Amino acid sequence: MKVSRISIVVPFLFLLVQPAWPHEDETPPGGIPERLGQVNFPVSCSDAAQEEFNRSVALLHSFYYSAAVKAFTHVTETDPGCAMGYWGIAMSWWYPLWYPPTAASLGQGKAAADKARSVGGKTERERGYIEAIGAFYQDIDRKSHQTRALAYEMAMQPVHEQFAEDREASAFYALAMQAAVDPNDQTYAKQLKSAALLEPLFAEQPNHPGLAHYIIHAYDYPGLAPRALVAARSYGEIAPSVPHALHMPAHTFTYMGLWQEAIRADTAAAATARKQGDTNSELHSMDYLVYAYLQSGEEQAAKTVLHDLNAVSLENKERTIAIDYTLAAAPARYAIELRRWSDAAALTPRPSRFPATEALTHYARALGAAHTGNIPLAREDVQRLAALRDGLLISKNDYWAKQVEMQRLTAAAWLAWAEGDIEKALTQMRAAAELEDSTYKHPVTPGQLAPARELLGDLLFEIQRPAEALAEYEAALRVTPNRFNGVYGAAHSAEFAGDSAKAKAYYAQLLALCVKGSSARPELQRARMRMAQK
């Protein structure tokens, strides 16, 4: 086994721009060398193949799958006897923390895994890696994605244990644990176990892209995100050539309500993705940008991102869940966050092969219809949400079925409110909030279009129960801190509940969150008025 430390800084030029989104009025700097971080993954291939292999693994660690496939393919062209090159191709057709591969992607991955086996690893360690990815692609026509993810995790464990000095085995085993989590386990046992494995390695190798990346994912949950802050503030500097590396820190910043840091991360990510033609990453970052701008009182900037989103060409682009989710979520969240209920009611669902993305538009439209008194349309959308939920249950997509059911319950609650059935509205809204408490936020989204518990606060305030509304807003803020509507709802409810000290504290918090905005939102006008009073 050849041991060499190769820093992945090669003279491949690209434009890395960091404009002031959405205006982009700065002159982009000249081309700079590619920066992917530092990876050392010795394999028994030629020297030329080894250098390209390290670069390929760096791309893989940052989930730049399309580029990784090309890079690993180049490895096999450089050294056809390098079985680990085919291993890398197989790894690059699986997207562990994103969404299950399509049938075509599975076919490509299985062919590469089979090729790696036929060429044969030259060491026991290499054969362990190859057998592990082979376990994921075994029986792809009979076994579920989750079953095969568990099989990969089980196959990677002995590789990690037998070759304890191999830091790459540890990194990939940690990722394998995260890919095989039980979405209903809110102890986060596997995530915490993977983080415990990654953190000392990251201290040892602070320029390794995978270690920083996987730590952020391990803690990408309510209450855990602060533990990822060091990695989040490092990752974009480690691998700024990769759009996802620039974007991923925004997950941590969003969970913590650090809106300006989230905006900076996604501004760089979206611009870099656009320059590289990475539409998937560009749109994903734009959805996060819309969310962060709305929380910081910068709705005009959010509107500009929406305008630019509509101008992105999708011709000849594979429609991933990240793309379709953004197309549905960004305009819906803009209307809901700003309480533009007529705009929400006028949304048109887009066709998608992902039922959960279609559900977003029906959900937003139902809320808009209920708030504007369009009872027939609200009923129609509630029924459509039920149908989409049932379809997801039939296809055994339990996570998204639960998300759509949460939306159905919320929409039904506001429909009941519009019809004057307050007790039914409260019962269904509480059920939606409890269901939301039992699940987690998928990485594809910066957050719910509106947290159910926050909407429960809205409902309680509407029926003149401000003290109860305050309790719900505060509960929501513990999970989603610094949300504009949550903070305002807490301030407004505290004011009407007679707690002037708490009301002023929340109004002050709202104004501090929006210090960079020039918003004329009535909520901010009220906050300024109340803060001016003695």
Protein backbone atom coordinates (compact mmCIF):
# COMPACT_ATOMS: atom_id res chain seq x y z
CA MET A 1 0.00 0.00 0.00
CA LYS A 2 1.52 3.31 -1.08
CA VAL A 3 1.41 5.99 1.57
CA SER A 4 1.52 9.58 0.39
CA ARG A 5 -0.20 12.75 1.48
CA ILE A 6 -1.54 14.56 -1.55
CA SER A 7 -3.18 17.91 -1.05
CA ILE A 8 -6.03 18.34 -3.48
CA VAL A 9 -5.05 21.73 -4.87
CA VAL A 10 -4.60 21.29 -8.62
CA PRO A 11 -4.35 23.80 -11.48
CA PHE A 12 -7.88 23.29 -12.73
CA LEU A 13 -9.35 26.77 -13.04
CA PHE A 14 -12.86 27.87 -12.40
CA LEU A 15 -14.55 31.08 -11.37
CA LEU A 16 -15.37 31.32 -7.70
CA VAL A 17 -17.55 34.35 -7.20
CA GLN A 18 -19.08 35.76 -4.08
CA PRO A 19 -21.41 38.50 -5.29
CA ALA A 20 -23.83 40.40 -3.12
CA TRP A 21 -26.86 38.31 -4.06
CA PRO A 22 -29.29 39.13 -5.50
CA HIS A 23 -27.75 42.20 -7.13
CA GLU A 24 -24.40 40.76 -8.29
CA ASP A 25 -22.92 44.16 -9.03
CA GLU A 26 -19.34 43.27 -8.19
CA THR A 27 -16.73 42.25 -10.73
CA PRO A 28 -15.87 38.57 -10.28
CA PRO A 29 -12.22 37.84 -9.52
CA GLY A 30 -10.04 35.89 -11.93
CA GLY A 31 -9.73 32.14 -12.00
CA ILE A 32 -8.13 30.50 -8.98
CA PRO A 33 -6.90 26.95 -8.40
CA GLU A 34 -9.45 24.29 -7.53
CA ARG A 35 -9.77 23.75 -3.80
CA LEU A 36 -11.43 20.57 -2.58
CA GLY A 37 -9.72 20.03 0.76
CA GLN A 38 -7.03 17.53 1.67
CA VAL A 39 -7.58 13.79 1.24
CA ASN A 40 -5.09 10.94 1.59
CA PHE A 41 -6.57 7.60 0.50
CA PRO A 42 -3.68 5.32 -0.55
CA VAL A 43 -4.63 2.52 -2.96
CA SER A 44 -2.66 -0.01 -5.00
CA CYS A 45 -2.92 1.85 -8.30
CA SER A 46 -0.39 3.71 -10.43
CA ASP A 47 1.09 6.97 -9.17
CA ALA A 48 -0.84 8.97 -11.77
CA ALA A 49 -4.08 7.18 -10.84
CA GLN A 50 -3.40 7.73 -7.12
CA GLU A 51 -3.30 11.50 -7.48
CA GLU A 52 -6.55 11.57 -9.44
CA PHE A 53 -8.10 9.03 -7.03
CA ASN A 54 -7.46 11.35 -4.05
CA ARG A 55 -9.09 14.20 -5.95
CA SER A 56 -12.06 11.97 -6.83
CA VAL A 57 -12.58 10.97 -3.19
CA ALA A 58 -12.48 14.63 -2.17
CA LEU A 59 -15.30 15.32 -4.64
CA LEU A 60 -17.22 12.32 -3.32
CA HIS A 61 -16.87 13.52 0.29
CA SER A 62 -18.53 16.79 -0.72
CA PHE A 63 -21.37 14.98 -2.51
CA TYR A 64 -20.34 16.38 -5.90
CA TYR A 65 -21.53 13.16 -7.45
CA SER A 66 -21.61 14.10 -11.13
CA ALA A 67 -18.04 15.40 -10.98
CA ALA A 68 -16.95 12.40 -8.91
CA VAL A 69 -18.27 9.92 -11.51
CA LYS A 70 -16.20 11.66 -14.19
CA ALA A 71 -13.12 11.82 -11.97
CA PHE A 72 -13.26 8.16 -10.93
CA THR A 73 -13.85 7.20 -14.58
CA HIS A 74 -10.64 9.05 -15.41
CA VAL A 75 -8.89 6.99 -12.72
CA THR A 76 -9.96 3.77 -14.46
CA GLU A 77 -8.86 5.15 -17.81
CA THR A 78 -5.48 6.05 -16.37
CA ASP A 79 -5.10 2.63 -14.72
CA PRO A 80 -7.64 0.02 -15.94
CA GLY A 81 -6.43 -2.35 -13.23
CA CYS A 82 -7.38 0.05 -10.44
CA ALA A 83 -10.41 -1.70 -8.95
CA MET A 84 -10.92 1.10 -6.46
CA GLY A 85 -11.64 3.46 -9.35
CA TYR A 86 -14.72 1.36 -10.13
CA TRP A 87 -15.53 1.32 -6.39
CA GLY A 88 -15.57 5.11 -6.52
CA ILE A 89 -17.92 5.15 -9.51
CA ALA A 90 -20.30 2.83 -7.65
CA MET A 91 -20.15 5.06 -4.56
CA SER A 92 -20.93 8.11 -6.69
CA TRP A 93 -24.21 6.68 -8.02
CA TRP A 94 -25.61 6.42 -4.48
CA TYR A 95 -26.71 9.58 -2.68
CA PRO A 96 -26.75 8.42 0.97
CA LEU A 97 -28.31 11.43 2.70
CA TRP A 98 -30.31 12.87 -0.17
CA TYR A 99 -32.83 10.57 -1.82
CA PRO A 100 -32.86 7.01 -3.23
CA PRO A 101 -31.18 6.63 -6.64
CA THR A 102 -33.35 6.22 -9.70
CA ALA A 103 -33.48 2.86 -11.45
CA ALA A 104 -31.01 4.17 -14.03
CA SER A 105 -28.59 5.33 -11.32
CA LEU A 106 -28.86 2.00 -9.53
CA GLY A 107 -28.07 0.23 -12.77
CA GLN A 108 -24.98 2.35 -13.32
CA GLY A 109 -23.84 1.85 -9.75
CA LYS A 110 -24.36 -1.90 -9.80
CA ALA A 111 -22.41 -2.22 -13.06
CA ALA A 112 -19.50 -0.35 -11.50
CA ALA A 113 -19.64 -2.43 -8.29
CA ASP A 114 -19.63 -5.63 -10.35
CA LYS A 115 -16.69 -4.33 -12.39
CA ALA A 116 -14.75 -3.54 -9.22
CA ARG A 117 -15.28 -7.13 -8.06
CA SER A 118 -14.23 -8.59 -11.39
CA VAL A 119 -11.07 -6.48 -11.59
CA GLY A 120 -10.41 -7.33 -7.95
CA GLY A 121 -8.88 -5.33 -5.13
CA LYS A 122 -5.20 -6.04 -4.66
CA THR A 123 -5.33 -5.88 -0.87
CA GLU A 124 -7.69 -7.19 1.79
CA ARG A 125 -8.55 -3.59 2.69
CA GLU A 126 -9.55 -2.74 -0.88
CA ARG A 127 -11.60 -5.91 -1.16
CA GLY A 128 -13.44 -4.88 2.02
CA TYR A 129 -14.43 -1.52 0.50
CA ILE A 130 -15.54 -3.22 -2.72
CA GLU A 131 -17.64 -5.84 -0.95
CA ALA A 132 -19.28 -3.16 1.18
CA ILE A 133 -20.57 -1.13 -1.76
CA GLY A 134 -21.51 -4.40 -3.46
CA ALA A 135 -23.80 -5.10 -0.51
CA PHE A 136 -25.70 -1.88 -1.23
CA TYR A 137 -26.31 -2.85 -4.86
CA GLN A 138 -27.23 -6.46 -4.13
CA ASP A 139 -30.79 -7.45 -5.02
CA ILE A 140 -31.75 -3.94 -6.10
CA ASP A 141 -34.91 -5.31 -7.67
CA ARG A 142 -36.06 -7.08 -4.49
CA LYS A 143 -34.72 -5.24 -1.44
CA SER A 144 -35.75 -1.80 -0.24
CA HIS A 145 -33.39 1.15 -0.24
CA GLN A 146 -33.30 1.19 3.58
CA THR A 147 -32.53 -2.54 3.75
CA ARG A 148 -29.61 -2.11 1.37
CA ALA A 149 -28.36 0.98 3.24
CA LEU A 150 -28.30 -1.11 6.43
CA ALA A 151 -26.43 -3.86 4.58
CA TYR A 152 -23.78 -1.34 3.51
CA GLU A 153 -23.44 -0.05 7.07
CA MET A 154 -22.96 -3.58 8.39
CA ALA A 155 -20.37 -4.31 5.69
CA MET A 156 -18.42 -1.11 6.40
CA GLN A 157 -18.18 -1.73 10.14
CA PRO A 158 -15.57 -4.53 9.90
CA VAL A 159 -13.56 -2.49 7.38
CA HIS A 160 -13.45 0.35 9.89
CA GLU A 161 -12.61 -1.97 12.77
CA GLN A 162 -9.99 -4.09 10.99
CA PHE A 163 -8.16 -1.13 9.47
CA ALA A 164 -8.32 1.27 12.39
CA GLU A 165 -5.46 3.39 11.02
CA ASP A 166 -7.43 4.05 7.84
CA ARG A 167 -9.09 7.41 8.42
CA GLU A 168 -11.10 7.09 5.21
CA ALA A 169 -12.68 3.86 6.44
CA SER A 170 -13.74 5.70 9.60
CA ALA A 171 -15.19 8.60 7.61
CA PHE A 172 -17.15 6.34 5.27
CA TYR A 173 -18.37 4.17 8.14
CA ALA A 174 -19.62 7.30 9.95
CA LEU A 175 -21.49 8.30 6.80
CA ALA A 176 -22.87 4.77 6.48
CA MET A 177 -24.36 5.04 9.98
CA GLN A 178 -26.05 8.32 9.08
CA ALA A 179 -27.43 6.83 5.86
CA ALA A 180 -29.05 3.99 7.79
CA VAL A 181 -30.71 5.91 10.63
CA ASP A 182 -34.24 5.16 11.75
CA PRO A 183 -36.09 8.40 10.99
CA ASN A 184 -38.35 7.80 13.99
CA ASP A 185 -35.47 7.52 16.48
CA GLN A 186 -35.28 10.88 18.19
CA THR A 187 -32.49 9.74 20.49
CA TYR A 188 -30.26 10.26 17.43
CA ALA A 189 -28.17 7.30 18.57
CA LYS A 190 -26.47 6.59 15.25
CA GLN A 191 -25.93 10.25 14.47
CA LEU A 192 -24.24 10.81 17.83
CA LYS A 193 -22.14 7.66 17.43
CA SER A 194 -20.98 8.82 14.02
CA ALA A 195 -20.15 12.29 15.37
CA ALA A 196 -18.11 10.77 18.21
CA LEU A 197 -16.08 8.94 15.57
CA LEU A 198 -15.66 11.99 13.33
CA GLU A 199 -14.79 14.76 15.78
CA PRO A 200 -11.34 13.54 16.93
CA LEU A 201 -10.45 12.82 13.31
CA PHE A 202 -11.48 16.36 12.32
CA ALA A 203 -9.26 17.77 15.07
CA GLU A 204 -6.43 15.71 13.59
CA GLN A 205 -7.23 16.58 9.95
CA PRO A 206 -8.88 20.03 9.93
CA ASN A 207 -8.69 20.33 6.12
CA HIS A 208 -10.49 17.07 5.36
CA PRO A 209 -13.75 17.82 3.50
CA GLY A 210 -15.62 14.67 4.51
CA LEU A 211 -14.98 15.01 8.22
CA ALA A 212 -16.32 18.58 8.37
CA HIS A 213 -19.22 17.70 6.08
CA TYR A 214 -20.36 14.61 7.95
CA ILE A 215 -20.16 16.34 11.34
CA ILE A 216 -22.61 18.95 10.07
CA HIS A 217 -24.95 16.20 8.87
CA ALA A 218 -24.62 14.27 12.14
CA TYR A 219 -25.87 17.30 14.05
CA ASP A 220 -28.41 18.46 11.46
CA TYR A 221 -31.28 18.22 13.95
CA PRO A 222 -33.06 20.48 16.46
CA GLY A 223 -30.98 20.98 19.58
CA LEU A 224 -27.88 19.35 18.11
CA ALA A 225 -26.96 21.98 15.51
CA PRO A 226 -24.78 24.14 17.85
CA ARG A 227 -22.37 21.21 18.13
CA ALA A 228 -21.67 21.53 14.40
CA LEU A 229 -20.86 25.24 14.45
CA VAL A 230 -17.05 24.86 14.27
CA ALA A 231 -17.32 22.45 11.33
CA ALA A 232 -19.93 24.66 9.67
CA ARG A 233 -17.71 27.73 9.86
CA SER A 234 -14.80 25.70 8.42
CA TYR A 235 -16.30 23.62 5.63
CA GLY A 236 -16.79 26.38 3.06
CA GLU A 237 -13.15 27.42 3.53
CA ILE A 238 -11.97 23.82 3.15
CA ALA A 239 -13.64 23.11 -0.19
CA PRO A 240 -14.86 26.38 -1.76
CA SER A 241 -14.75 24.87 -5.25
CA VAL A 242 -17.81 22.73 -4.44
CA PRO A 243 -21.25 24.40 -4.26
CA HIS A 244 -22.49 21.91 -1.65
CA ALA A 245 -19.52 22.65 0.60
CA LEU A 246 -20.41 26.33 0.48
CA HIS A 247 -24.09 25.58 1.10
CA MET A 248 -23.96 22.89 3.78
CA PRO A 249 -22.95 25.26 6.61
CA ALA A 250 -26.28 27.03 6.02
CA HIS A 251 -28.02 23.98 7.49
CA THR A 252 -26.38 24.70 10.85
CA PHE A 253 -26.87 28.45 10.58
CA THR A 254 -30.56 27.96 9.70
CA TYR A 255 -31.18 25.64 12.64
CA MET A 256 -29.60 28.23 14.94
CA GLY A 257 -31.36 31.22 13.40
CA LEU A 258 -28.06 32.82 12.32
CA TRP A 259 -29.62 34.40 9.26
CA GLN A 260 -26.77 36.60 8.05
CA GLU A 261 -24.33 33.71 8.13
CA ALA A 262 -26.87 31.56 6.29
CA ILE A 263 -27.31 34.28 3.65
CA ARG A 264 -23.56 34.58 3.10
CA ALA A 265 -23.16 30.81 2.76
CA ASP A 266 -25.99 30.37 0.28
CA THR A 267 -25.09 33.47 -1.71
CA ALA A 268 -21.68 31.93 -2.40
CA ALA A 269 -23.14 28.47 -2.98
CA ALA A 270 -25.80 29.58 -5.45
CA ALA A 271 -23.40 31.78 -7.41
CA THR A 272 -20.74 29.08 -7.63
CA ALA A 273 -23.29 26.44 -8.63
CA ARG A 274 -24.64 28.72 -11.34
CA LYS A 275 -21.15 29.31 -12.76
CA GLN A 276 -20.54 25.55 -12.82
CA GLY A 277 -23.94 24.67 -14.31
CA ASP A 278 -24.97 22.76 -11.17
CA THR A 279 -28.69 23.52 -11.29
CA ASN A 280 -29.54 21.12 -8.46
CA SER A 281 -27.24 22.90 -6.00
CA GLU A 282 -28.17 26.34 -7.30
CA LEU A 283 -31.90 25.90 -6.74
CA HIS A 284 -31.43 24.18 -3.40
CA SER A 285 -29.37 27.11 -2.14
CA MET A 286 -31.90 29.58 -3.51
CA ASP A 287 -34.70 28.03 -1.44
CA TYR A 288 -32.55 28.38 1.68
CA LEU A 289 -31.82 31.98 0.67
CA VAL A 290 -35.51 32.84 0.32
CA TYR A 291 -36.11 31.38 3.77
CA ALA A 292 -33.24 33.28 5.43
CA TYR A 293 -34.11 36.59 3.78
CA LEU A 294 -37.72 36.32 4.97
CA GLN A 295 -36.63 35.67 8.55
CA SER A 296 -34.41 38.75 8.58
CA GLY A 297 -36.96 41.20 7.18
CA GLU A 298 -35.39 41.31 3.71
CA GLU A 299 -38.44 40.38 1.68
CA GLN A 300 -37.37 42.43 -1.33
CA ALA A 301 -34.18 40.38 -1.56
CA ALA A 302 -36.27 37.23 -1.22
CA LYS A 303 -38.52 38.44 -4.04
CA THR A 304 -35.48 39.01 -6.26
CA VAL A 305 -34.27 35.47 -5.62
CA LEU A 306 -37.74 34.21 -6.57
CA HIS A 307 -37.57 36.18 -9.80
CA ASP A 308 -34.14 34.73 -10.60
CA LEU A 309 -35.40 31.26 -9.68
CA ASN A 310 -38.04 31.47 -12.37
CA ALA A 311 -35.33 32.35 -14.90
CA VAL A 312 -33.25 29.22 -14.26
CA SER A 313 -33.34 26.95 -17.30
CA LEU A 314 -34.35 23.37 -16.53
CA GLU A 315 -34.01 22.14 -20.09
CA ASN A 316 -32.27 18.76 -20.22
CA LYS A 317 -31.92 18.76 -16.42
CA GLU A 318 -32.78 15.72 -14.33
CA ARG A 319 -35.67 16.68 -12.05
CA THR A 320 -34.39 15.82 -8.59
CA ILE A 321 -36.36 16.24 -5.40
CA ALA A 322 -34.16 19.24 -4.53
CA ILE A 323 -35.15 20.99 -7.77
CA ASP A 324 -38.86 20.20 -7.57
CA TYR A 325 -39.00 20.96 -3.85
CA THR A 326 -37.51 24.41 -4.40
CA LEU A 327 -39.84 25.19 -7.30
CA ALA A 328 -42.83 24.41 -5.09
CA ALA A 329 -41.58 25.60 -1.71
CA ALA A 330 -39.96 28.96 -2.46
CA PRO A 331 -43.07 30.77 -3.81
CA ALA A 332 -45.29 29.04 -1.26
CA ARG A 333 -43.15 30.04 1.69
CA TYR A 334 -42.89 33.62 0.37
CA ALA A 335 -46.69 33.93 0.37
CA ILE A 336 -47.21 32.20 3.72
CA GLU A 337 -44.40 33.93 5.63
CA LEU A 338 -45.67 37.34 4.49
CA ARG A 339 -49.29 36.32 5.18
CA ARG A 340 -50.26 37.09 1.59
CA TRP A 341 -53.13 34.68 1.67
CA SER A 342 -54.61 35.68 -1.70
CA ASP A 343 -51.27 34.93 -3.34
CA ALA A 344 -51.11 31.57 -1.58
CA ALA A 345 -54.61 30.68 -2.74
CA ALA A 346 -53.64 31.53 -6.35
CA LEU A 347 -50.65 29.15 -6.52
CA THR A 348 -50.69 26.51 -9.25
CA PRO A 349 -49.33 23.01 -8.52
CA ARG A 350 -46.46 21.88 -10.76
CA PRO A 351 -46.33 18.32 -12.06
CA SER A 352 -43.64 16.29 -10.31
CA ARG A 353 -42.66 12.67 -9.85
CA PHE A 354 -42.25 13.50 -6.15
CA PRO A 355 -45.72 13.63 -4.54
CA ALA A 356 -44.41 15.47 -1.49
CA THR A 357 -43.41 18.47 -3.59
CA GLU A 358 -46.85 18.69 -5.17
CA ALA A 359 -48.31 18.57 -1.67
CA LEU A 360 -46.52 21.79 -0.72
CA THR A 361 -48.54 23.82 -3.20
CA HIS A 362 -51.87 22.25 -2.21
CA TYR A 363 -51.00 22.91 1.44
CA ALA A 364 -50.15 26.57 0.84
CA ARG A 365 -53.20 26.99 -1.35
CA ALA A 366 -55.47 25.45 1.29
CA LEU A 367 -54.16 27.85 3.94
CA GLY A 368 -54.63 30.78 1.57
CA ALA A 369 -58.12 29.68 0.63
CA ALA A 370 -59.17 29.20 4.27
CA HIS A 371 -57.89 32.64 5.25
CA THR A 372 -59.64 34.33 2.33
CA GLY A 373 -62.94 32.50 2.79
CA ASN A 374 -62.73 30.30 -0.30
CA ILE A 375 -64.17 27.23 1.44
CA PRO A 376 -64.64 25.06 -1.70
CA LEU A 377 -61.02 25.49 -2.78
CA ALA A 378 -59.74 24.78 0.74
CA ARG A 379 -61.80 21.58 0.87
CA GLU A 380 -60.52 20.52 -2.55
CA ASP A 381 -56.89 20.96 -1.47
CA VAL A 382 -57.40 19.15 1.84
CA GLN A 383 -58.83 16.21 -0.10
CA ARG A 384 -55.89 16.29 -2.51
CA LEU A 385 -53.47 16.22 0.42
CA ALA A 386 -55.22 13.12 1.76
CA ALA A 387 -54.87 11.41 -1.64
CA LEU A 388 -51.17 12.28 -1.86
CA ARG A 389 -50.62 10.98 1.68
CA ASP A 390 -52.34 7.71 0.81
CA GLY A 391 -50.21 7.28 -2.28
CA LEU A 392 -47.04 7.77 -0.25
CA LEU A 393 -48.22 5.21 2.29
CA ILE A 394 -48.90 2.69 -0.46
CA SER A 395 -45.39 3.20 -1.81
CA LYS A 396 -44.05 2.79 1.77
CA ASN A 397 -42.59 6.29 1.81
CA ASP A 398 -43.42 6.75 5.47
CA TYR A 399 -41.40 9.89 6.13
CA TRP A 400 -43.03 11.96 3.40
CA ALA A 401 -46.44 10.43 4.14
CA LYS A 402 -46.08 11.79 7.68
CA GLN A 403 -45.09 15.23 6.37
CA VAL A 404 -48.11 15.38 4.06
CA GLU A 405 -50.43 14.20 6.84
CA MET A 406 -49.09 17.01 9.01
CA GLN A 407 -49.93 19.45 6.24
CA ARG A 408 -53.38 17.91 5.78
CA LEU A 409 -54.17 18.24 9.48
CA THR A 410 -53.01 21.86 9.50
CA ALA A 411 -54.99 22.75 6.38
CA ALA A 412 -58.06 20.98 7.79
CA ALA A 413 -57.69 22.91 11.04
CA TRP A 414 -57.76 26.26 9.28
CA LEU A 415 -60.62 25.11 7.09
CA ALA A 416 -62.56 24.28 10.27
CA TRP A 417 -61.69 27.71 11.66
CA ALA A 418 -62.98 29.33 8.47
CA GLU A 419 -66.21 27.34 8.84
CA GLY A 420 -66.58 28.47 12.47
CA ASP A 421 -65.85 25.11 14.14
CA ILE A 422 -63.25 26.30 16.64
CA GLU A 423 -63.00 23.12 18.72
CA LYS A 424 -62.41 21.00 15.63
CA ALA A 425 -59.82 23.50 14.43
CA LEU A 426 -57.94 23.33 17.74
CA THR A 427 -58.08 19.54 17.88
CA GLN A 428 -56.64 19.15 14.40
CA MET A 429 -54.05 21.89 14.84
CA ARG A 430 -52.82 20.30 18.08
CA ALA A 431 -52.63 16.94 16.33
CA ALA A 432 -50.54 18.51 13.56
CA ALA A 433 -48.17 20.07 16.10
CA GLU A 434 -47.74 16.79 17.97
CA LEU A 435 -47.06 14.95 14.71
CA GLU A 436 -44.46 17.55 13.78
CA ASP A 437 -42.80 17.11 17.18
CA SER A 438 -42.40 13.39 16.42
CA THR A 439 -40.50 13.87 13.18
CA TYR A 440 -37.52 15.83 11.85
CA LYS A 441 -36.65 18.31 9.11
CA HIS A 442 -35.44 16.73 5.89
CA PRO A 443 -32.15 18.20 4.59
CA VAL A 444 -33.89 19.15 1.32
CA THR A 445 -35.68 21.98 3.11
CA PRO A 446 -34.58 24.85 5.36
CA GLY A 447 -37.80 24.36 7.30
CA GLN A 448 -41.51 23.80 7.15
CA LEU A 449 -43.48 26.36 5.15
CA ALA A 450 -44.70 27.30 8.63
CA PRO A 451 -44.06 25.28 11.81
CA ALA A 452 -47.27 23.62 12.98
CA ARG A 453 -46.80 24.74 16.57
CA GLU A 454 -46.30 28.31 15.39
CA LEU A 455 -49.57 28.06 13.44
CA LEU A 456 -51.22 26.68 16.57
CA GLY A 457 -50.10 29.91 18.26
CA ASP A 458 -51.67 31.86 15.40
CA LEU A 459 -54.95 30.00 15.85
CA LEU A 460 -55.02 30.54 19.62
CA PHE A 461 -54.35 34.26 19.13
CA GLU A 462 -57.15 34.45 16.55
CA ILE A 463 -59.61 33.06 19.09
CA GLN A 464 -58.38 35.53 21.74
CA ARG A 465 -56.37 33.17 23.94
CA PRO A 466 -53.06 35.08 23.93
CA ALA A 467 -51.48 33.45 27.00
CA GLU A 468 -51.90 30.00 25.45
CA ALA A 469 -50.69 31.36 22.11
CA LEU A 470 -47.53 32.69 23.79
CA ALA A 471 -46.73 29.25 25.20
CA GLU A 472 -47.00 27.69 21.73
CA TYR A 473 -44.87 30.37 20.08
CA GLU A 474 -42.18 29.90 22.70
CA ALA A 475 -42.27 26.13 22.24
CA ALA A 476 -41.87 26.61 18.49
CA LEU A 477 -38.96 29.02 18.97
CA ARG A 478 -37.08 26.46 21.03
CA VAL A 479 -37.00 24.23 17.95
CA THR A 480 -36.79 26.92 15.25
CA PRO A 481 -35.12 29.93 16.89
CA ASN A 482 -35.27 33.45 15.51
CA ARG A 483 -38.11 32.85 13.05
CA PHE A 484 -39.70 36.20 12.20
CA ASN A 485 -43.30 35.09 12.68
CA GLY A 486 -42.49 33.09 15.80
CA VAL A 487 -40.74 36.01 17.48
CA TYR A 488 -43.45 38.46 16.45
CA GLY A 489 -46.18 36.06 17.54
CA ALA A 490 -44.55 35.72 20.96
CA ALA A 491 -44.24 39.51 21.29
CA HIS A 492 -47.78 40.21 20.18
CA SER A 493 -49.25 37.48 22.39
CA ALA A 494 -47.25 38.62 25.41
CA GLU A 495 -48.47 42.16 24.85
CA PHE A 496 -52.13 41.09 24.78
CA ALA A 497 -51.60 38.70 27.69
CA GLY A 498 -50.44 41.67 29.79
CA ASP A 499 -46.75 40.71 30.02
CA SER A 500 -45.23 43.96 28.83
CA ALA A 501 -41.66 43.08 29.81
CA LYS A 502 -41.69 39.88 27.77
CA ALA A 503 -43.44 41.65 24.89
CA LYS A 504 -40.72 44.32 24.75
CA ALA A 505 -38.00 41.68 24.91
CA TYR A 506 -39.44 39.85 21.92
CA TYR A 507 -40.08 43.08 19.99
CA ALA A 508 -36.45 44.05 20.59
CA GLN A 509 -35.35 40.62 19.38
CA LEU A 510 -37.40 41.03 16.21
CA LEU A 511 -35.88 44.43 15.44
CA ALA A 512 -32.38 43.06 16.03
CA LEU A 513 -33.03 40.21 13.59
CA CYS A 514 -34.11 42.68 10.91
CA VAL A 515 -31.39 45.27 11.39
CA LYS A 516 -30.14 44.82 7.78
CA GLY A 517 -33.58 44.99 6.21
CA SER A 518 -35.57 48.00 5.06
CA SER A 519 -38.88 46.25 5.49
CA ALA A 520 -42.17 48.07 5.86
CA ARG A 521 -43.92 45.01 7.26
CA PRO A 522 -46.64 45.99 9.72
CA GLU A 523 -45.15 43.66 12.33
CA LEU A 524 -41.95 45.72 12.37
CA GLN A 525 -43.88 48.97 12.47
CA ARG A 526 -45.72 47.72 15.55
CA ALA A 527 -42.44 46.60 17.13
CA ARG A 528 -40.88 50.03 16.59
CA MET A 529 -43.96 51.76 18.00
CA ARG A 530 -44.03 49.58 21.11
CA MET A 531 -40.31 49.97 21.72
CA ALA A 532 -40.68 53.75 21.47
CA GLN A 533 -43.28 53.75 24.25
CA LYS A 534 -42.14 54.14 27.83
